[in-house]
Amino acid sequence: MVDFRRKRNRLEAPAYVGRRWYFVTICTAGRRTIFQDPELVGRLLGELEKTCARHLFLVYAYCFMPDHLHVELVATDDQSNLPMMLRDFKGHAAAQARLMGVRGLWQKGYYDHVLRPGANENAVAWYIFNNPVRKNLVSDPRAWPHSGSWMFDWRKAVAPPEEFVPPWKRTVGE
């Protein structure tokens, strides 16, 4: 008999609690291209800021693409809990979107990657900042209006020589 149970895509719960760095991608429901609206993105950034403050996270890098959000988060407390923070953010962001007439904002779940100690957080940030360039939306990441950092002036920073490749995009044998 074949087992058709879905493979778990999450680590055990303790991996998401405490002082860690995370790379997270959250997609819109149906991959709708709704993050081109500066007012909507502004409201969602406001919710992200409030939610991160409540749950003791900082945003090292973010980029709202037309149909998804990339964010590099820094948990600043031993009690910081990524799943709780993301659940809170997605709920409050959806409420803000509904006020603007947008229903069904998010796809169920999210994609996450816990950065290992010694990982190059700047390489992850530049992967995020360069997403609009890879998608041919701009030729320079600094031209994309929906990217930023709350921890450094990323527009003046220099990209690291090391390139980050998310685990799900790596080829077998790397």
Protein backbone atom coordinates (compact mmCIF):
# COMPACT_ATOMS: atom_id res chain seq x y z
CA MET A 1 0.00 0.00 0.00
CA VAL A 2 1.27 3.48 -0.90
CA ASP A 3 1.40 6.14 1.81
CA PHE A 4 0.01 9.41 0.42
CA ARG A 5 0.49 11.51 3.52
CA ARG A 6 2.01 14.89 2.83
CA LYS A 7 5.60 15.42 3.94
CA ARG A 8 5.96 17.89 6.82
CA ASN A 9 7.45 21.15 5.68
CA ARG A 10 8.08 22.50 9.17
CA LEU A 11 10.76 21.79 11.71
CA GLU A 12 9.84 20.84 15.25
CA ALA A 13 8.29 23.71 17.27
CA PRO A 14 11.45 24.58 19.31
CA ALA A 15 13.25 25.53 16.07
CA TYR A 16 10.94 28.55 15.78
CA VAL A 17 11.31 29.93 19.31
CA GLY A 18 14.18 32.03 20.58
CA ARG A 19 16.84 34.31 19.16
CA ARG A 20 17.16 33.28 15.51
CA TRP A 21 17.14 34.65 11.97
CA TYR A 22 14.47 33.58 9.48
CA PHE A 23 13.83 33.95 5.78
CA VAL A 24 10.06 33.84 5.15
CA THR A 25 7.94 34.00 2.00
CA ILE A 26 4.20 34.61 2.21
CA CYS A 27 2.14 34.41 -1.00
CA THR A 28 -1.13 36.08 -1.83
CA ALA A 29 -4.18 33.84 -2.26
CA GLY A 30 -4.25 32.58 -5.82
CA ARG A 31 -0.97 34.45 -6.41
CA ARG A 32 -3.00 37.57 -7.20
CA THR A 33 -0.86 40.60 -8.07
CA ILE A 34 -2.21 43.00 -5.46
CA PHE A 35 0.98 44.33 -3.87
CA GLN A 36 1.44 46.92 -6.61
CA ASP A 37 -0.86 49.27 -4.67
CA PRO A 38 1.38 51.56 -2.56
CA GLU A 39 -1.44 52.28 -0.09
CA LEU A 40 -2.03 48.57 0.57
CA VAL A 41 1.70 47.89 0.93
CA GLY A 42 1.98 50.85 3.32
CA ARG A 43 -0.82 49.53 5.52
CA LEU A 44 0.68 46.04 5.56
CA LEU A 45 4.10 47.45 6.49
CA GLY A 46 2.43 49.27 9.37
CA GLU A 47 0.88 46.01 10.54
CA LEU A 48 4.21 44.21 10.16
CA GLU A 49 5.90 46.85 12.30
CA LYS A 50 3.27 46.62 15.06
CA THR A 51 3.23 42.84 15.01
CA CYS A 52 7.02 42.57 15.11
CA ALA A 53 7.12 44.95 18.08
CA ARG A 54 4.54 42.86 19.98
CA HIS A 55 6.40 39.60 19.27
CA LEU A 56 9.96 40.95 19.66
CA PHE A 57 11.15 40.69 16.05
CA LEU A 58 13.07 43.08 13.80
CA VAL A 59 12.93 43.22 10.01
CA TYR A 60 16.38 42.99 8.45
CA ALA A 61 15.05 42.97 4.89
CA TYR A 62 11.70 42.92 3.13
CA CYS A 63 10.36 43.05 -0.39
CA PHE A 64 6.72 43.15 -1.42
CA MET A 65 6.58 41.60 -4.87
CA PRO A 66 3.31 41.82 -6.84
CA ASP A 67 2.07 38.45 -5.50
CA HIS A 68 4.21 37.63 -2.47
CA LEU A 69 6.23 39.03 0.42
CA HIS A 70 9.83 38.11 1.26
CA VAL A 71 11.04 39.07 4.72
CA GLU A 72 14.20 38.37 6.72
CA LEU A 73 13.28 38.46 10.39
CA VAL A 74 15.45 38.65 13.49
CA ALA A 75 13.97 37.21 16.70
CA THR A 76 15.34 39.37 19.52
CA ASP A 77 14.12 37.51 22.61
CA ASP A 78 14.27 33.98 24.00
CA GLN A 79 10.45 33.93 23.84
CA SER A 80 10.13 35.20 20.23
CA ASN A 81 7.93 32.72 18.39
CA LEU A 82 7.85 32.82 14.59
CA PRO A 83 4.60 30.90 13.95
CA MET A 84 2.72 33.01 16.52
CA MET A 85 4.09 36.24 15.06
CA LEU A 86 3.24 35.26 11.47
CA ARG A 87 -0.27 34.12 12.41
CA ASP A 88 -0.82 37.46 14.16
CA PHE A 89 0.61 39.45 11.24
CA LYS A 90 -1.37 37.62 8.58
CA GLY A 91 -4.61 38.10 10.53
CA HIS A 92 -4.12 41.82 11.16
CA ALA A 93 -2.87 42.40 7.61
CA ALA A 94 -5.93 40.62 6.20
CA ALA A 95 -8.17 42.87 8.33
CA GLN A 96 -6.41 45.97 6.95
CA ALA A 97 -6.76 44.66 3.40
CA ARG A 98 -10.50 44.05 3.94
CA LEU A 99 -10.87 47.72 4.91
CA MET A 100 -9.56 48.49 1.42
CA GLY A 101 -11.91 46.01 -0.26
CA VAL A 102 -9.37 43.19 -0.64
CA ARG A 103 -10.75 39.83 0.50
CA GLY A 104 -8.81 36.59 0.88
CA LEU A 105 -5.40 38.25 1.11
CA TRP A 106 -3.10 35.33 1.92
CA GLN A 107 -2.45 31.83 0.68
CA LYS A 108 -2.64 29.28 3.48
CA GLY A 109 0.66 28.88 5.31
CA TYR A 110 4.05 30.30 4.35
CA TYR A 111 7.54 29.16 3.44
CA ASP A 112 10.32 29.50 5.99
CA HIS A 113 14.02 28.91 6.29
CA VAL A 114 15.79 29.10 9.65
CA LEU A 115 19.23 30.59 9.06
CA ARG A 116 21.98 28.53 10.62
CA PRO A 117 24.58 30.16 12.87
CA GLY A 118 27.28 31.60 10.66
CA ALA A 119 24.95 32.09 7.69
CA ASN A 120 25.50 35.33 5.81
CA GLU A 121 22.44 37.41 6.67
CA ASN A 122 23.54 40.08 4.18
CA ALA A 123 23.51 37.55 1.34
CA VAL A 124 19.95 36.59 2.30
CA ALA A 125 18.97 40.28 2.37
CA TRP A 126 20.43 40.85 -1.09
CA TYR A 127 18.58 37.82 -2.40
CA ILE A 128 15.41 39.53 -1.15
CA PHE A 129 16.33 42.96 -2.53
CA ASN A 130 17.23 41.50 -5.93
CA ASN A 131 13.94 39.67 -6.39
CA PRO A 132 12.43 42.49 -8.52
CA VAL A 133 15.57 42.43 -10.70
CA ARG A 134 15.33 38.64 -11.20
CA LYS A 135 11.66 39.09 -12.21
CA ASN A 136 12.60 41.87 -14.69
CA LEU A 137 10.53 44.50 -12.87
CA VAL A 138 13.51 46.87 -12.42
CA SER A 139 17.16 46.86 -13.47
CA ASP A 140 18.46 48.08 -10.08
CA PRO A 141 17.02 46.76 -6.79
CA ARG A 142 17.13 50.27 -5.30
CA ALA A 143 14.51 51.35 -7.84
CA TRP A 144 11.86 48.99 -6.43
CA PRO A 145 9.55 51.03 -4.17
CA HIS A 146 8.41 48.16 -1.93
CA SER A 147 11.71 46.99 -0.43
CA GLY A 148 13.56 48.04 2.68
CA SER A 149 15.16 47.33 6.03
CA TRP A 150 14.43 48.56 9.53
CA MET A 151 17.96 47.82 10.67
CA PHE A 152 20.30 49.46 8.12
CA ASP A 153 20.30 51.85 5.16
CA TRP A 154 20.19 49.14 2.50
CA ARG A 155 20.22 51.59 -0.42
CA LYS A 156 23.76 52.63 0.58
CA ALA A 157 24.98 49.10 1.33
CA VAL A 158 27.14 47.04 -1.00
CA ALA A 159 25.97 43.59 -2.03
CA PRO A 160 28.11 40.82 -0.54
CA PRO A 161 30.18 38.70 -2.92
CA GLU A 162 28.55 35.52 -1.59
CA GLU A 163 25.22 34.77 -3.25
CA PHE A 164 22.44 33.17 -1.24
CA VAL A 165 20.39 30.42 -2.87
CA PRO A 166 17.31 29.27 -0.95
CA PRO A 167 17.38 25.57 -0.07
CA TRP A 168 14.33 24.84 -2.24
CA LYS A 169 16.16 26.22 -5.32
CA ARG A 170 19.38 24.29 -4.88
CA THR A 171 20.15 21.42 -7.21
CA VAL A 172 20.62 17.90 -5.92
CA GLY A 173 24.22 17.22 -4.91
CA GLU A 174 25.10 20.80 -3.94
